[in-house]
């Protein structure tokens, strides 16, 4: 599928947001939560959790206009939403998006 310049911009923007949100999930699960539960440092989850929460909301809000601009099917849009709640999900969805729409960062 060949993208227009505007669609390419939307796809790149979504990919960046998706990757940043995915990284924040991993930081929360694999750094902040062990700090809280193994080393009794609960502030790590407070700060990282707040940042991740904001990035998660930005991701969810961005899915819908991106889906409309890129003419995604219902199932692709649904999987984009599901990817946000599964660890490593944004990375898997990003790989699929990169293959199907030929969008590089």
N, C-alpha and C. Protein backbone atom coordinates (compact mmCIF):
# COMPACT_ATOMS: atom_id res chain seq x y z
N UNK A 1 0.84 -1.17 0.00
CA UNK A 1 0.00 0.00 0.00
C UNK A 1 0.89 1.24 0.00
N UNK A 2 0.67 2.10 -0.95
CA UNK A 2 1.43 3.34 -1.04
C UNK A 2 0.71 4.43 -0.24
N UNK A 3 1.46 5.08 0.61
CA UNK A 3 0.87 6.11 1.46
C UNK A 3 1.11 7.50 0.89
N UNK A 4 0.14 8.37 1.10
CA UNK A 4 0.33 9.77 0.75
C UNK A 4 1.28 10.38 1.78
N UNK A 5 1.85 11.55 1.50
CA UNK A 5 2.73 12.18 2.50
C UNK A 5 2.03 12.41 3.84
N UNK A 6 0.76 12.79 3.81
CA UNK A 6 0.03 13.02 5.07
C UNK A 6 -0.16 11.69 5.82
N UNK A 7 -0.50 10.63 5.11
CA UNK A 7 -0.65 9.33 5.76
C UNK A 7 0.68 8.85 6.32
N UNK A 8 1.74 9.08 5.59
CA UNK A 8 3.07 8.67 6.07
C UNK A 8 3.41 9.41 7.36
N UNK A 9 3.08 10.68 7.43
CA UNK A 9 3.32 11.46 8.65
C UNK A 9 2.53 10.89 9.82
N UNK A 10 1.25 10.57 9.58
CA UNK A 10 0.42 9.98 10.64
C UNK A 10 0.99 8.64 11.09
N UNK A 11 1.41 7.82 10.14
CA UNK A 11 1.95 6.51 10.48
C UNK A 11 3.23 6.64 11.30
N UNK A 12 4.12 7.53 10.90
CA UNK A 12 5.36 7.74 11.65
C UNK A 12 5.07 8.24 13.06
N UNK A 13 4.15 9.17 13.17
CA UNK A 13 3.79 9.71 14.48
C UNK A 13 3.24 8.61 15.38
N UNK A 14 2.35 7.80 14.81
CA UNK A 14 1.78 6.71 15.60
C UNK A 14 2.85 5.71 16.01
N UNK A 15 3.76 5.38 15.11
CA UNK A 15 4.82 4.44 15.44
C UNK A 15 5.68 4.96 16.59
N UNK A 16 6.03 6.24 16.57
CA UNK A 16 6.83 6.81 17.66
C UNK A 16 6.08 6.72 18.99
N UNK A 17 4.82 7.12 18.98
CA UNK A 17 4.01 7.08 20.21
C UNK A 17 3.90 5.64 20.70
N UNK A 18 3.68 4.71 19.78
CA UNK A 18 3.54 3.31 20.13
C UNK A 18 4.82 2.76 20.77
N UNK A 19 5.95 3.05 20.18
CA UNK A 19 7.21 2.55 20.72
C UNK A 19 7.54 3.17 22.07
N UNK A 20 7.28 4.45 22.23
CA UNK A 20 7.54 5.09 23.52
C UNK A 20 6.62 4.52 24.60
N UNK A 21 5.35 4.29 24.26
CA UNK A 21 4.42 3.71 25.22
C UNK A 21 4.84 2.28 25.57
N UNK A 22 5.29 1.52 24.58
CA UNK A 22 5.75 0.16 24.84
C UNK A 22 6.98 0.14 25.75
N UNK A 23 7.89 1.05 25.54
CA UNK A 23 9.08 1.14 26.40
C UNK A 23 8.68 1.52 27.81
N UNK A 24 7.73 2.44 27.96
CA UNK A 24 7.30 2.83 29.30
C UNK A 24 6.66 1.66 30.04
N UNK A 25 5.95 0.79 29.32
CA UNK A 25 5.37 -0.40 29.94
C UNK A 25 6.47 -1.31 30.47
N UNK A 26 7.49 -1.52 29.65
CA UNK A 26 8.59 -2.40 30.07
C UNK A 26 9.36 -1.82 31.24
N UNK A 27 9.58 -0.50 31.23
CA UNK A 27 10.26 0.14 32.36
C UNK A 27 9.43 -0.02 33.62
N UNK A 28 8.12 0.16 33.50
CA UNK A 28 7.25 -0.01 34.66
C UNK A 28 7.31 -1.43 35.20
N UNK A 29 7.18 -2.43 34.31
CA UNK A 29 7.12 -3.82 34.75
C UNK A 29 8.47 -4.36 35.21
N UNK A 30 9.54 -4.01 34.51
CA UNK A 30 10.82 -4.67 34.77
C UNK A 30 11.82 -3.84 35.56
N UNK A 31 11.53 -2.57 35.79
CA UNK A 31 12.43 -1.75 36.61
C UNK A 31 11.69 -1.20 37.83
N UNK A 32 10.60 -0.45 37.58
CA UNK A 32 9.91 0.22 38.69
C UNK A 32 9.25 -0.76 39.64
N UNK A 33 8.57 -1.77 39.11
CA UNK A 33 7.90 -2.72 40.01
C UNK A 33 8.89 -3.55 40.83
N UNK A 34 9.97 -4.04 40.24
CA UNK A 34 10.96 -4.72 41.11
C UNK A 34 11.54 -3.78 42.17
N UNK A 35 11.77 -2.51 41.81
CA UNK A 35 12.25 -1.57 42.82
C UNK A 35 11.26 -1.44 43.97
N UNK A 36 9.98 -1.43 43.64
CA UNK A 36 8.96 -1.29 44.68
C UNK A 36 8.87 -2.54 45.55
N UNK A 37 8.77 -3.70 44.92
CA UNK A 37 8.48 -4.91 45.68
C UNK A 37 9.70 -5.65 46.21
N UNK A 38 10.85 -5.46 45.60
CA UNK A 38 12.04 -6.17 46.07
C UNK A 38 12.93 -5.29 46.94
N UNK A 39 12.95 -3.99 46.66
CA UNK A 39 13.84 -3.10 47.39
C UNK A 39 13.08 -2.00 48.13
N UNK A 40 11.78 -2.18 48.26
CA UNK A 40 10.94 -1.27 49.04
C UNK A 40 11.12 0.20 48.65
N UNK A 41 11.01 0.46 47.34
CA UNK A 41 11.14 1.82 46.82
C UNK A 41 9.88 2.13 46.00
N UNK A 42 8.77 2.46 46.68
CA UNK A 42 7.49 2.63 45.98
C UNK A 42 7.41 3.88 45.09
N UNK A 43 8.28 4.84 45.29
CA UNK A 43 8.22 6.04 44.47
C UNK A 43 8.52 5.76 43.00
N UNK A 44 9.27 4.71 42.73
CA UNK A 44 9.57 4.37 41.34
C UNK A 44 8.29 4.08 40.57
N UNK A 45 7.38 3.32 41.17
CA UNK A 45 6.11 3.02 40.51
C UNK A 45 5.24 4.26 40.43
N UNK A 46 5.31 5.10 41.42
CA UNK A 46 4.51 6.33 41.40
C UNK A 46 4.90 7.19 40.21
N UNK A 47 6.17 7.44 40.04
CA UNK A 47 6.62 8.31 38.95
C UNK A 47 6.51 7.64 37.58
N UNK A 48 7.05 6.45 37.47
CA UNK A 48 7.01 5.75 36.18
C UNK A 48 5.57 5.40 35.81
N UNK A 49 4.77 5.03 36.80
CA UNK A 49 3.37 4.72 36.54
C UNK A 49 2.59 5.93 36.03
N UNK A 50 2.88 7.09 36.58
CA UNK A 50 2.21 8.31 36.10
C UNK A 50 2.60 8.63 34.66
N UNK A 51 3.87 8.52 34.37
CA UNK A 51 4.35 8.77 33.01
C UNK A 51 3.75 7.75 32.04
N UNK A 52 3.77 6.48 32.44
CA UNK A 52 3.19 5.44 31.59
C UNK A 52 1.69 5.68 31.38
N UNK A 53 0.99 6.08 32.42
CA UNK A 53 -0.44 6.35 32.30
C UNK A 53 -0.73 7.44 31.28
N UNK A 54 0.05 8.51 31.33
CA UNK A 54 -0.13 9.60 30.37
C UNK A 54 0.18 9.12 28.95
N UNK A 55 1.25 8.35 28.79
CA UNK A 55 1.60 7.83 27.46
C UNK A 55 0.55 6.85 26.96
N UNK A 56 -0.02 6.05 27.84
CA UNK A 56 -1.08 5.12 27.47
C UNK A 56 -2.30 5.88 26.94
N UNK A 57 -2.68 6.94 27.62
CA UNK A 57 -3.83 7.74 27.19
C UNK A 57 -3.54 8.39 25.83
N UNK A 58 -2.34 8.92 25.65
CA UNK A 58 -1.96 9.51 24.36
C UNK A 58 -2.04 8.46 23.27
N UNK A 59 -1.56 7.25 23.55
CA UNK A 59 -1.61 6.16 22.58
C UNK A 59 -3.05 5.86 22.18
N UNK A 60 -3.91 5.67 23.16
CA UNK A 60 -5.32 5.32 22.89
C UNK A 60 -6.00 6.44 22.09
N UNK A 61 -5.75 7.68 22.47
CA UNK A 61 -6.35 8.81 21.75
C UNK A 61 -5.83 8.89 20.32
N UNK A 62 -4.59 8.51 20.11
CA UNK A 62 -3.98 8.59 18.78
C UNK A 62 -4.43 7.47 17.85
N UNK A 63 -4.85 6.35 18.40
CA UNK A 63 -5.25 5.20 17.56
C UNK A 63 -6.38 5.60 16.60
N UNK A 64 -7.38 6.29 17.09
CA UNK A 64 -8.58 6.53 16.29
C UNK A 64 -8.35 7.46 15.09
N UNK A 65 -7.72 8.61 15.26
CA UNK A 65 -7.46 9.42 14.06
C UNK A 65 -6.47 8.75 13.10
N UNK A 66 -5.51 8.00 13.65
CA UNK A 66 -4.57 7.29 12.79
C UNK A 66 -5.29 6.22 11.98
N UNK A 67 -6.17 5.49 12.62
CA UNK A 67 -6.95 4.46 11.92
C UNK A 67 -7.78 5.08 10.81
N UNK A 68 -8.35 6.21 11.07
CA UNK A 68 -9.17 6.89 10.05
C UNK A 68 -8.30 7.37 8.90
N UNK A 69 -7.18 8.01 9.20
CA UNK A 69 -6.30 8.54 8.16
C UNK A 69 -5.67 7.43 7.31
N UNK A 70 -5.30 6.31 7.96
CA UNK A 70 -4.64 5.23 7.24
C UNK A 70 -5.63 4.19 6.70
N UNK A 71 -6.92 4.43 6.95
CA UNK A 71 -7.98 3.54 6.46
C UNK A 71 -7.80 2.10 6.96
N UNK A 72 -7.56 1.99 8.27
CA UNK A 72 -7.43 0.68 8.87
C UNK A 72 -8.79 0.00 8.94
N UNK A 73 -8.76 -1.32 8.90
CA UNK A 73 -9.99 -2.09 9.10
C UNK A 73 -10.33 -2.07 10.58
N UNK A 74 -11.54 -2.54 10.89
CA UNK A 74 -11.95 -2.63 12.29
C UNK A 74 -10.99 -3.53 13.07
N UNK A 75 -10.61 -4.67 12.47
CA UNK A 75 -9.76 -5.62 13.20
C UNK A 75 -8.38 -5.03 13.47
N UNK A 76 -7.80 -4.29 12.52
CA UNK A 76 -6.49 -3.67 12.76
C UNK A 76 -6.59 -2.63 13.88
N UNK A 77 -7.64 -1.85 13.86
CA UNK A 77 -7.85 -0.85 14.92
C UNK A 77 -8.03 -1.54 16.27
N UNK A 78 -8.79 -2.62 16.29
CA UNK A 78 -9.00 -3.38 17.51
C UNK A 78 -7.67 -3.93 18.04
N UNK A 79 -6.86 -4.49 17.15
CA UNK A 79 -5.56 -5.03 17.58
C UNK A 79 -4.62 -3.92 18.05
N UNK A 80 -4.73 -2.74 17.48
CA UNK A 80 -3.92 -1.61 17.96
C UNK A 80 -4.31 -1.27 19.40
N UNK A 81 -5.59 -1.33 19.70
CA UNK A 81 -6.05 -1.06 21.07
C UNK A 81 -5.63 -2.17 22.02
N UNK A 82 -5.75 -3.41 21.60
CA UNK A 82 -5.35 -4.54 22.44
C UNK A 82 -3.84 -4.53 22.69
N UNK A 83 -3.07 -4.12 21.69
CA UNK A 83 -1.61 -4.09 21.82
C UNK A 83 -1.17 -3.19 22.97
N UNK A 84 -1.97 -2.19 23.28
CA UNK A 84 -1.59 -1.25 24.33
C UNK A 84 -1.63 -1.87 25.72
N UNK A 85 -2.38 -2.94 25.90
CA UNK A 85 -2.51 -3.52 27.24
C UNK A 85 -1.72 -4.81 27.42
N UNK A 86 -1.01 -5.24 26.39
CA UNK A 86 -0.21 -6.46 26.45
C UNK A 86 1.28 -6.07 26.44
N UNK A 87 2.05 -6.57 27.40
CA UNK A 87 3.49 -6.29 27.33
C UNK A 87 4.06 -6.78 25.99
N UNK A 88 4.88 -6.00 25.40
CA UNK A 88 5.48 -6.23 24.08
C UNK A 88 4.47 -6.08 22.94
N UNK A 89 3.20 -5.84 23.26
CA UNK A 89 2.17 -5.68 22.23
C UNK A 89 2.43 -4.55 21.26
N UNK A 90 2.83 -3.36 21.74
CA UNK A 90 3.11 -2.29 20.79
C UNK A 90 4.24 -2.62 19.82
N UNK A 91 5.21 -3.40 20.27
CA UNK A 91 6.32 -3.75 19.38
C UNK A 91 5.87 -4.74 18.30
N UNK A 92 5.02 -5.67 18.68
CA UNK A 92 4.49 -6.63 17.72
C UNK A 92 3.59 -5.92 16.71
N UNK A 93 2.72 -5.04 17.21
CA UNK A 93 1.85 -4.30 16.30
C UNK A 93 2.67 -3.39 15.39
N UNK A 94 3.70 -2.79 15.92
CA UNK A 94 4.56 -1.92 15.11
C UNK A 94 5.22 -2.69 13.99
N UNK A 95 5.71 -3.88 14.28
CA UNK A 95 6.34 -4.70 13.25
C UNK A 95 5.33 -5.02 12.14
N UNK A 96 4.11 -5.35 12.54
CA UNK A 96 3.06 -5.63 11.57
C UNK A 96 2.74 -4.40 10.73
N UNK A 97 2.66 -3.25 11.37
CA UNK A 97 2.37 -1.99 10.67
C UNK A 97 3.49 -1.66 9.69
N UNK A 98 4.71 -1.84 10.12
CA UNK A 98 5.87 -1.56 9.26
C UNK A 98 5.86 -2.44 8.02
N UNK A 99 5.54 -3.72 8.18
CA UNK A 99 5.49 -4.63 7.04
C UNK A 99 4.34 -4.30 6.10
N UNK A 100 3.18 -4.03 6.64
CA UNK A 100 2.01 -3.85 5.80
C UNK A 100 1.93 -2.48 5.14
N UNK A 101 2.48 -1.47 5.79
CA UNK A 101 2.34 -0.12 5.23
C UNK A 101 3.68 0.52 4.87
N UNK A 102 4.75 -0.22 5.02
CA UNK A 102 6.09 0.22 4.58
C UNK A 102 6.42 1.59 5.15
N UNK A 103 6.37 1.71 6.47
CA UNK A 103 6.66 2.98 7.14
C UNK A 103 7.91 2.80 7.98
N UNK A 104 8.94 3.56 7.68
CA UNK A 104 10.14 3.57 8.49
C UNK A 104 10.18 4.83 9.34
N UNK A 105 10.85 4.73 10.47
CA UNK A 105 10.95 5.91 11.36
C UNK A 105 11.94 6.90 10.83
